[in-house]
């Protein structure tokens, strides 16, 4: 079938990423062996974030995001709205202090933007990234596509920093946190609305299918909606993608608003 050809060669594991994440896990476990107990929340948050990261961008599951825009949006939502707060919540302060003593990390940290600027820049780039024409062009280059995702992930870390920073002194609290989270949800809403709007009025196809038509030597104007499994060929795919991203993003903002944030967990 057509979609089987598209997936052929993509159902593989990203071994370099896997080795990198395993190395980080070993260092994490070694440094914290005498500082934190394994049944504490922080190791659970940290290792869960690494597992999700590998599954989303380094496993055969990644390829399925090219079939369905809604699956792609689930992957992107977890990557930017779920993994960053879990990762930050899993870093004890002692490890943060050791990391920022490294010369390279010190230089890189100087390039970090303020949370508000990072939020606006992330929202703009995330919006542009999912404009069908731009996404279709970026997805043609593996280097450009991966680079764009890395940039968005770094910005998402900076966005979540004042909410679940390993250093309690760098977190927003009370009304400041509520205003920041409200603005976070408000600014990202246009991207969700764009997907829903396109799905209702424009019926735009999955931008990733441009790669498939090129691979199969089909004309660019070929209708690929009938070449995918019935589960993915529905015209509501983009509407569902926009709605799911909105729900996942709002869900990620619920816990930090609560008086007792479960992500703040254990004491280092």
C-alpha atoms as a PDB file:
ATOM      1  CA  UNK A   1       0.000   0.000   0.000  1.00  0.00           C
ATOM      2  CA  UNK A   2       1.003   3.608  -0.517  1.00  0.00           C
ATOM      3  CA  UNK A   3       1.541   4.500   3.157  1.00  0.00           C
ATOM      4  CA  UNK A   4       3.652   1.354   3.625  1.00  0.00           C
ATOM      5  CA  UNK A   5       6.049   2.676   0.994  1.00  0.00           C
ATOM      6  CA  UNK A   6       6.190   6.022   2.765  1.00  0.00           C
ATOM      7  CA  UNK A   7       7.046   4.397   6.098  1.00  0.00           C
ATOM      8  CA  UNK A   8       9.631   2.087   4.556  1.00  0.00           C
ATOM      9  CA  UNK A   9      13.057   3.100   5.836  1.00  0.00           C
ATOM     10  CA  UNK A  10      11.606   5.345   8.559  1.00  0.00           C
ATOM     11  CA  UNK A  11      10.646   2.615  11.020  1.00  0.00           C
ATOM     12  CA  UNK A  12      14.037   2.665  12.707  1.00  0.00           C
ATOM     13  CA  UNK A  13      15.481   3.769  16.034  1.00  0.00           C
ATOM     14  CA  UNK A  14      17.653   6.860  16.305  1.00  0.00           C
ATOM     15  CA  UNK A  15      20.653   5.110  17.839  1.00  0.00           C
ATOM     16  CA  UNK A  16      22.826   8.240  18.388  1.00  0.00           C
ATOM     17  CA  UNK A  17      19.988   9.894  20.297  1.00  0.00           C
ATOM     18  CA  UNK A  18      19.422   6.713  22.302  1.00  0.00           C
ATOM     19  CA  UNK A  19      23.126   6.514  23.232  1.00  0.00           C
ATOM     20  CA  UNK A  20      23.103  10.206  24.185  1.00  0.00           C
ATOM     21  CA  UNK A  21      20.064   9.836  26.447  1.00  0.00           C
ATOM     22  CA  UNK A  22      21.460   6.687  28.058  1.00  0.00           C
ATOM     23  CA  UNK A  23      24.724   8.547  28.741  1.00  0.00           C
ATOM     24  CA  UNK A  24      22.790  11.379  30.369  1.00  0.00           C
ATOM     25  CA  UNK A  25      20.891   8.848  32.479  1.00  0.00           C
ATOM     26  CA  UNK A  26      24.133   7.257  33.660  1.00  0.00           C
ATOM     27  CA  UNK A  27      25.642  10.621  34.596  1.00  0.00           C
ATOM     28  CA  UNK A  28      22.412  11.623  36.326  1.00  0.00           C
ATOM     29  CA  UNK A  29      22.333   8.412  38.363  1.00  0.00           C
ATOM     30  CA  UNK A  30      26.026   8.638  39.259  1.00  0.00           C
ATOM     31  CA  UNK A  31      25.949  12.263  40.386  1.00  0.00           C
ATOM     32  CA  UNK A  32      22.789  11.830  42.439  1.00  0.00           C
ATOM     33  CA  UNK A  33      23.520   8.405  43.893  1.00  0.00           C
ATOM     34  CA  UNK A  34      24.274   9.802  47.335  1.00  0.00           C
ATOM     35  CA  UNK A  35      22.037  12.866  47.089  1.00  0.00           C
ATOM     36  CA  UNK A  36      18.584  11.555  46.264  1.00  0.00           C
ATOM     37  CA  UNK A  37      16.582   8.387  46.684  1.00  0.00           C
ATOM     38  CA  UNK A  38      15.333   6.520  43.638  1.00  0.00           C
ATOM     39  CA  UNK A  39      11.748   6.512  44.873  1.00  0.00           C
ATOM     40  CA  UNK A  40      11.626  10.309  44.976  1.00  0.00           C
ATOM     41  CA  UNK A  41       9.633  12.127  42.325  1.00  0.00           C
ATOM     42  CA  UNK A  42      12.556  13.859  40.646  1.00  0.00           C
ATOM     43  CA  UNK A  43      14.184  10.726  39.129  1.00  0.00           C
ATOM     44  CA  UNK A  44      10.766   9.557  37.963  1.00  0.00           C
ATOM     45  CA  UNK A  45      10.086  12.880  36.227  1.00  0.00           C
ATOM     46  CA  UNK A  46      13.570  12.970  34.708  1.00  0.00           C
ATOM     47  CA  UNK A  47      13.614   9.432  33.307  1.00  0.00           C
ATOM     48  CA  UNK A  48      10.016   9.730  32.094  1.00  0.00           C
ATOM     49  CA  UNK A  49      10.951  12.848  30.116  1.00  0.00           C
ATOM     50  CA  UNK A  50      13.906  11.043  28.490  1.00  0.00           C
ATOM     51  CA  UNK A  51      11.752   8.027  27.611  1.00  0.00           C
ATOM     52  CA  UNK A  52       9.101  10.249  26.025  1.00  0.00           C
ATOM     53  CA  UNK A  53      11.785  12.162  24.122  1.00  0.00           C
ATOM     54  CA  UNK A  54      13.220   8.963  22.663  1.00  0.00           C
ATOM     55  CA  UNK A  55       9.795   7.621  21.736  1.00  0.00           C
ATOM     56  CA  UNK A  56       8.673  10.843  20.078  1.00  0.00           C
ATOM     57  CA  UNK A  57      11.717  11.766  17.999  1.00  0.00           C
ATOM     58  CA  UNK A  58      13.978   8.715  18.098  1.00  0.00           C
ATOM     59  CA  UNK A  59      11.748   5.688  17.624  1.00  0.00           C
ATOM     60  CA  UNK A  60       9.691   4.179  14.776  1.00  0.00           C
ATOM     61  CA  UNK A  61       6.668   6.010  16.215  1.00  0.00           C
ATOM     62  CA  UNK A  62       8.088   9.234  14.772  1.00  0.00           C
ATOM     63  CA  UNK A  63       7.222   8.166  11.244  1.00  0.00           C
ATOM     64  CA  UNK A  64       3.509   7.964  11.993  1.00  0.00           C
ATOM     65  CA  UNK A  65       3.397  11.719  12.488  1.00  0.00           C
ATOM     66  CA  UNK A  66       4.001  11.991   8.742  1.00  0.00           C
ATOM     67  CA  UNK A  67       0.801  10.103   8.023  1.00  0.00           C
ATOM     68  CA  UNK A  68      -1.619  12.106  10.116  1.00  0.00           C
ATOM     69  CA  UNK A  69      -1.525  15.765  11.040  1.00  0.00           C
ATOM     70  CA  UNK A  70      -3.386  15.020  14.267  1.00  0.00           C
ATOM     71  CA  UNK A  71      -0.768  12.443  15.311  1.00  0.00           C
ATOM     72  CA  UNK A  72       1.936  14.959  14.419  1.00  0.00           C
ATOM     73  CA  UNK A  73       0.294  17.569  16.644  1.00  0.00           C
ATOM     74  CA  UNK A  74       0.097  15.113  19.543  1.00  0.00           C
ATOM     75  CA  UNK A  75       3.829  14.494  19.144  1.00  0.00           C
ATOM     76  CA  UNK A  76       4.623  18.220  18.982  1.00  0.00           C
ATOM     77  CA  UNK A  77       2.385  19.023  21.955  1.00  0.00           C
ATOM     78  CA  UNK A  78       4.024  16.397  24.165  1.00  0.00           C
ATOM     79  CA  UNK A  79       7.473  17.447  22.966  1.00  0.00           C
ATOM     80  CA  UNK A  80       7.023  21.127  23.844  1.00  0.00           C
ATOM     81  CA  UNK A  81       4.337  21.182  26.560  1.00  0.00           C
ATOM     82  CA  UNK A  82       4.865  17.979  28.553  1.00  0.00           C
ATOM     83  CA  UNK A  83       8.521  16.931  28.290  1.00  0.00           C
ATOM     84  CA  UNK A  84      10.146  20.304  29.224  1.00  0.00           C
ATOM     85  CA  UNK A  85       8.350  20.700  32.588  1.00  0.00           C
ATOM     86  CA  UNK A  86       8.972  17.027  33.409  1.00  0.00           C
ATOM     87  CA  UNK A  87      12.650  17.394  32.517  1.00  0.00           C
ATOM     88  CA  UNK A  88      13.098  20.539  34.600  1.00  0.00           C
ATOM     89  CA  UNK A  89      11.131  19.080  37.509  1.00  0.00           C
ATOM     90  CA  UNK A  90      13.465  16.078  37.455  1.00  0.00           C
ATOM     91  CA  UNK A  91      16.690  18.082  37.801  1.00  0.00           C
ATOM     92  CA  UNK A  92      17.747  18.504  41.445  1.00  0.00           C
ATOM     93  CA  UNK A  93      19.371  21.777  42.433  1.00  0.00           C
ATOM     94  CA  UNK A  94      22.691  20.046  43.168  1.00  0.00           C
ATOM     95  CA  UNK A  95      22.921  18.840  39.567  1.00  0.00           C
ATOM     96  CA  UNK A  96      21.937  22.265  38.253  1.00  0.00           C
ATOM     97  CA  UNK A  97      24.743  23.892  40.222  1.00  0.00           C
ATOM     98  CA  UNK A  98      27.295  21.375  38.937  1.00  0.00           C
ATOM     99  CA  UNK A  99      26.126  21.860  35.353  1.00  0.00           C
ATOM    100  CA  UNK A 100      26.352  25.645  35.435  1.00  0.00           C
ATOM    101  CA  UNK A 101      29.936  25.429  36.659  1.00  0.00           C
ATOM    102  CA  UNK A 102      30.984  24.028  33.275  1.00  0.00           C
ATOM    103  CA  UNK A 103      32.600  26.731  31.077  1.00  0.00           C
ATOM    104  CA  UNK A 104      30.599  25.776  27.976  1.00  0.00           C
ATOM    105  CA  UNK A 105      27.302  25.881  29.860  1.00  0.00           C
ATOM    106  CA  UNK A 106      28.197  29.294  31.286  1.00  0.00           C
ATOM    107  CA  UNK A 107      28.713  30.688  27.789  1.00  0.00           C
ATOM    108  CA  UNK A 108      25.519  29.131  26.437  1.00  0.00           C
ATOM    109  CA  UNK A 109      23.457  30.364  29.391  1.00  0.00           C
ATOM    110  CA  UNK A 110      24.350  33.955  28.457  1.00  0.00           C
ATOM    111  CA  UNK A 111      22.407  33.483  25.210  1.00  0.00           C
ATOM    112  CA  UNK A 112      19.205  32.558  27.028  1.00  0.00           C
ATOM    113  CA  UNK A 113      16.308  34.947  26.505  1.00  0.00           C
ATOM    114  CA  UNK A 114      13.951  36.288  29.112  1.00  0.00           C
ATOM    115  CA  UNK A 115      10.886  34.050  29.646  1.00  0.00           C
ATOM    116  CA  UNK A 116       8.552  36.577  28.020  1.00  0.00           C
ATOM    117  CA  UNK A 117      10.754  37.057  24.959  1.00  0.00           C
ATOM    118  CA  UNK A 118      11.207  33.280  24.651  1.00  0.00           C
ATOM    119  CA  UNK A 119       7.425  32.847  24.855  1.00  0.00           C
ATOM    120  CA  UNK A 120       6.725  35.350  22.076  1.00  0.00           C
ATOM    121  CA  UNK A 121       9.498  33.991  19.853  1.00  0.00           C
ATOM    122  CA  UNK A 122       8.419  30.385  20.404  1.00  0.00           C
ATOM    123  CA  UNK A 123       4.795  31.238  19.611  1.00  0.00           C
ATOM    124  CA  UNK A 124       5.785  33.005  16.395  1.00  0.00           C
ATOM    125  CA  UNK A 125       8.100  30.223  15.202  1.00  0.00           C
ATOM    126  CA  UNK A 126       5.642  27.511  16.224  1.00  0.00           C
ATOM    127  CA  UNK A 127       2.903  29.299  14.278  1.00  0.00           C
ATOM    128  CA  UNK A 128       5.091  29.727  11.192  1.00  0.00           C
ATOM    129  CA  UNK A 129       6.357  26.144  11.421  1.00  0.00           C
ATOM    130  CA  UNK A 130       2.827  24.815  11.054  1.00  0.00           C
ATOM    131  CA  UNK A 131       1.763  27.032   8.189  1.00  0.00           C
ATOM    132  CA  UNK A 132       1.245  24.311   5.529  1.00  0.00           C
ATOM    133  CA  UNK A 133       3.488  25.943   2.911  1.00  0.00           C
ATOM    134  CA  UNK A 134       6.341  26.504   5.355  1.00  0.00           C
ATOM    135  CA  UNK A 135       6.023  23.082   6.993  1.00  0.00           C
ATOM    136  CA  UNK A 136       6.019  21.418   3.593  1.00  0.00           C
ATOM    137  CA  UNK A 137       9.226  23.250   2.648  1.00  0.00           C
ATOM    138  CA  UNK A 138      11.040  22.663   5.945  1.00  0.00           C
ATOM    139  CA  UNK A 139      10.186  18.964   5.967  1.00  0.00           C
ATOM    140  CA  UNK A 140      12.074  18.527   2.692  1.00  0.00           C
ATOM    141  CA  UNK A 141      15.400  19.070   4.495  1.00  0.00           C
ATOM    142  CA  UNK A 142      16.265  16.805   7.425  1.00  0.00           C
ATOM    143  CA  UNK A 143      18.912  19.228   8.710  1.00  0.00           C
ATOM    144  CA  UNK A 144      16.607  22.254   8.547  1.00  0.00           C
ATOM    145  CA  UNK A 145      13.687  20.348  10.040  1.00  0.00           C
ATOM    146  CA  UNK A 146      15.710  18.953  12.957  1.00  0.00           C
ATOM    147  CA  UNK A 147      17.359  22.314  13.553  1.00  0.00           C
ATOM    148  CA  UNK A 148      13.979  24.026  13.741  1.00  0.00           C
ATOM    149  CA  UNK A 149      12.719  21.455  16.252  1.00  0.00           C
ATOM    150  CA  UNK A 150      15.850  21.822  18.408  1.00  0.00           C
ATOM    151  CA  UNK A 151      15.401  25.604  18.458  1.00  0.00           C
ATOM    152  CA  UNK A 152      11.751  25.244  19.461  1.00  0.00           C
ATOM    153  CA  UNK A 153      12.660  22.756  22.190  1.00  0.00           C
ATOM    154  CA  UNK A 154      15.322  25.085  23.644  1.00  0.00           C
ATOM    155  CA  UNK A 155      12.808  27.934  23.649  1.00  0.00           C
ATOM    156  CA  UNK A 156      10.219  25.710  25.327  1.00  0.00           C
ATOM    157  CA  UNK A 157      12.724  24.943  28.100  1.00  0.00           C
ATOM    158  CA  UNK A 158      13.184  28.688  28.638  1.00  0.00           C
ATOM    159  CA  UNK A 159       9.408  29.181  28.691  1.00  0.00           C
ATOM    160  CA  UNK A 160       8.919  26.574  31.420  1.00  0.00           C
ATOM    161  CA  UNK A 161      11.953  27.695  33.432  1.00  0.00           C
ATOM    162  CA  UNK A 162      10.149  30.281  35.624  1.00  0.00           C
ATOM    163  CA  UNK A 163       7.451  27.709  36.396  1.00  0.00           C
ATOM    164  CA  UNK A 164       9.401  24.566  37.327  1.00  0.00           C
ATOM    165  CA  UNK A 165      13.009  25.734  37.515  1.00  0.00           C
ATOM    166  CA  UNK A 166      15.311  23.437  39.534  1.00  0.00           C
ATOM    167  CA  UNK A 167      16.255  26.576  41.478  1.00  0.00           C
ATOM    168  CA  UNK A 168      13.195  27.692  43.509  1.00  0.00           C
ATOM    169  CA  UNK A 169      14.559  31.249  43.610  1.00  0.00           C
ATOM    170  CA  UNK A 170      14.110  31.568  39.835  1.00  0.00           C
ATOM    171  CA  UNK A 171      10.439  30.555  39.789  1.00  0.00           C
ATOM    172  CA  UNK A 172       7.393  32.769  39.457  1.00  0.00           C
ATOM    173  CA  UNK A 173       4.905  32.476  42.290  1.00  0.00           C
ATOM    174  CA  UNK A 174       1.292  33.370  43.036  1.00  0.00           C
ATOM    175  CA  UNK A 175      -0.199  36.103  40.834  1.00  0.00           C
ATOM    176  CA  UNK A 176       2.932  36.488  38.710  1.00  0.00           C
ATOM    177  CA  UNK A 177       2.804  32.803  37.792  1.00  0.00           C
ATOM    178  CA  UNK A 178      -0.928  32.934  37.040  1.00  0.00           C
ATOM    179  CA  UNK A 179      -0.510  35.935  34.722  1.00  0.00           C
ATOM    180  CA  UNK A 180       2.410  34.273  32.949  1.00  0.00           C
ATOM    181  CA  UNK A 181       0.511  31.006  32.432  1.00  0.00           C
ATOM    182  CA  UNK A 182      -2.577  32.861  31.203  1.00  0.00           C
ATOM    183  CA  UNK A 183      -0.461  34.758  28.685  1.00  0.00           C
ATOM    184  CA  UNK A 184       1.199  31.474  27.699  1.00  0.00           C
ATOM    185  CA  UNK A 185      -2.163  29.931  26.829  1.00  0.00           C
ATOM    186  CA  UNK A 186      -3.452  33.062  25.104  1.00  0.00           C
ATOM    187  CA  UNK A 187      -0.452  33.584  22.816  1.00  0.00           C
ATOM    188  CA  UNK A 188      -0.381  29.978  21.573  1.00  0.00           C
ATOM    189  CA  UNK A 189      -4.103  29.907  20.829  1.00  0.00           C
ATOM    190  CA  UNK A 190      -3.828  31.430  17.286  1.00  0.00           C
ATOM    191  CA  UNK A 191      -1.833  28.410  16.116  1.00  0.00           C
ATOM    192  CA  UNK A 192      -4.597  26.050  17.271  1.00  0.00           C
ATOM    193  CA  UNK A 193      -7.228  28.223  15.629  1.00  0.00           C
ATOM    194  CA  UNK A 194      -5.233  28.247  12.370  1.00  0.00           C
ATOM    195  CA  UNK A 195      -5.309  24.445  12.137  1.00  0.00           C
ATOM    196  CA  UNK A 196      -9.016  24.275  12.940  1.00  0.00           C
ATOM    197  CA  UNK A 197      -9.774  27.078  10.461  1.00  0.00           C
ATOM    198  CA  UNK A 198      -7.816  25.398   7.674  1.00  0.00           C
ATOM    199  CA  UNK A 199      -9.542  22.116   8.386  1.00  0.00           C
ATOM    200  CA  UNK A 200     -13.025  23.647   8.249  1.00  0.00           C
ATOM    201  CA  UNK A 201     -12.689  26.097   5.375  1.00  0.00           C
ATOM    202  CA  UNK A 202      -9.575  25.213   3.347  1.00  0.00           C
ATOM    203  CA  UNK A 203      -9.409  21.412   3.706  1.00  0.00           C
ATOM    204  CA  UNK A 204      -5.595  21.573   3.481  1.00  0.00           C
ATOM    205  CA  UNK A 205      -3.875  18.219   3.118  1.00  0.00           C
ATOM    206  CA  UNK A 206      -1.130  16.930   5.372  1.00  0.00           C
ATOM    207  CA  UNK A 207       1.981  18.973   4.385  1.00  0.00           C
ATOM    208  CA  UNK A 208       4.197  15.927   4.915  1.00  0.00           C
ATOM    209  CA  UNK A 209       2.497  14.265   1.961  1.00  0.00           C
ATOM    210  CA  UNK A 210       4.542  16.484  -0.364  1.00  0.00           C
ATOM    211  CA  UNK A 211       7.502  14.272   0.501  1.00  0.00           C
ATOM    212  CA  UNK A 212       5.519  11.202  -0.424  1.00  0.00           C
ATOM    213  CA  UNK A 213       4.375  12.478  -3.806  1.00  0.00           C
ATOM    214  CA  UNK A 214       7.989  13.313  -4.638  1.00  0.00           C
ATOM    215  CA  UNK A 215       9.181   9.902  -3.459  1.00  0.00           C
ATOM    216  CA  UNK A 216       6.570   8.083  -5.544  1.00  0.00           C
ATOM    217  CA  UNK A 217       7.126  10.316  -8.605  1.00  0.00           C
ATOM    218  CA  UNK A 218       3.538  11.506  -8.443  1.00  0.00           C
ATOM    219  CA  UNK A 219       2.525  14.953  -9.709  1.00  0.00           C
ATOM    220  CA  UNK A 220       2.486  17.626  -6.938  1.00  0.00           C
ATOM    221  CA  UNK A 221      -1.235  18.192  -7.507  1.00  0.00           C
ATOM    222  CA  UNK A 222      -2.025  14.520  -6.900  1.00  0.00           C
ATOM    223  CA  UNK A 223      -4.811  13.898  -4.375  1.00  0.00           C
ATOM    224  CA  UNK A 224      -3.226  11.868  -1.597  1.00  0.00           C
ATOM    225  CA  UNK A 225      -6.236  11.796   0.705  1.00  0.00           C
ATOM    226  CA  UNK A 226      -7.459   8.573  -0.897  1.00  0.00           C
ATOM    227  CA  UNK A 227      -4.060   6.908  -0.681  1.00  0.00           C
ATOM    228  CA  UNK A 228      -3.871   6.819   3.086  1.00  0.00           C
ATOM    229  CA  UNK A 229      -5.669   4.400   5.403  1.00  0.00           C
ATOM    230  CA  UNK A 230      -9.252   5.428   6.086  1.00  0.00           C
ATOM    231  CA  UNK A 231      -8.306   6.277   9.673  1.00  0.00           C
ATOM    232  CA  UNK A 232      -6.046   9.107   8.440  1.00  0.00           C
ATOM    233  CA  UNK A 233      -7.844  10.277   5.289  1.00  0.00           C
ATOM    234  CA  UNK A 234     -10.653  12.095   7.094  1.00  0.00           C
ATOM    235  CA  UNK A 235     -11.051  15.769   6.277  1.00  0.00           C
ATOM    236  CA  UNK A 236     -11.269  16.454  10.005  1.00  0.00           C
ATOM    237  CA  UNK A 237      -7.620  15.548  10.567  1.00  0.00           C
ATOM    238  CA  UNK A 238      -6.412  19.157  10.913  1.00  0.00           C
ATOM    239  CA  UNK A 239      -9.409  20.105  13.053  1.00  0.00           C
ATOM    240  CA  UNK A 240      -8.614  17.227  15.368  1.00  0.00           C
ATOM    241  CA  UNK A 241      -4.924  18.176  15.387  1.00  0.00           C
ATOM    242  CA  UNK A 242      -5.667  21.766  16.413  1.00  0.00           C
ATOM    243  CA  UNK A 243      -8.145  20.654  19.083  1.00  0.00           C
ATOM    244  CA  UNK A 244      -5.747  18.073  20.546  1.00  0.00           C
ATOM    245  CA  UNK A 245      -2.910  20.569  20.717  1.00  0.00           C
ATOM    246  CA  UNK A 246      -5.181  23.020  22.508  1.00  0.00           C
ATOM    247  CA  UNK A 247      -6.305  20.383  25.024  1.00  0.00           C
ATOM    248  CA  UNK A 248      -2.787  19.068  25.734  1.00  0.00           C
ATOM    249  CA  UNK A 249      -1.421  22.584  26.137  1.00  0.00           C
ATOM    250  CA  UNK A 250      -4.197  23.587  28.540  1.00  0.00           C
ATOM    251  CA  UNK A 251      -3.681  20.352  30.465  1.00  0.00           C
ATOM    252  CA  UNK A 252       0.025  21.155  30.869  1.00  0.00           C
ATOM    253  CA  UNK A 253      -0.906  24.523  32.417  1.00  0.00           C
ATOM    254  CA  UNK A 254      -3.352  23.130  34.984  1.00  0.00           C
ATOM    255  CA  UNK A 255      -0.927  21.720  37.569  1.00  0.00           C
ATOM    256  CA  UNK A 256       1.350  24.783  37.849  1.00  0.00           C
ATOM    257  CA  UNK A 257      -1.722  26.916  38.667  1.00  0.00           C
ATOM    258  CA  UNK A 258      -2.641  24.729  41.618  1.00  0.00           C
ATOM    259  CA  UNK A 259      -1.455  25.982  45.044  1.00  0.00           C
ATOM    260  CA  UNK A 260       0.510  22.750  45.518  1.00  0.00           C
ATOM    261  CA  UNK A 261       2.372  22.110  42.283  1.00  0.00           C
ATOM    262  CA  UNK A 262       3.038  18.336  41.986  1.00  0.00           C
ATOM    263  CA  UNK A 263       6.026  19.067  39.749  1.00  0.00           C
ATOM    264  CA  UNK A 264       7.818  20.809  42.594  1.00  0.00           C
ATOM    265  CA  UNK A 265       7.842  17.535  44.532  1.00  0.00           C
ATOM    266  CA  UNK A 266      10.819  16.569  46.621  1.00  0.00           C
ATOM    267  CA  UNK A 267      13.329  18.671  48.467  1.00  0.00           C
ATOM    268  CA  UNK A 268      16.901  18.336  47.184  1.00  0.00           C
END
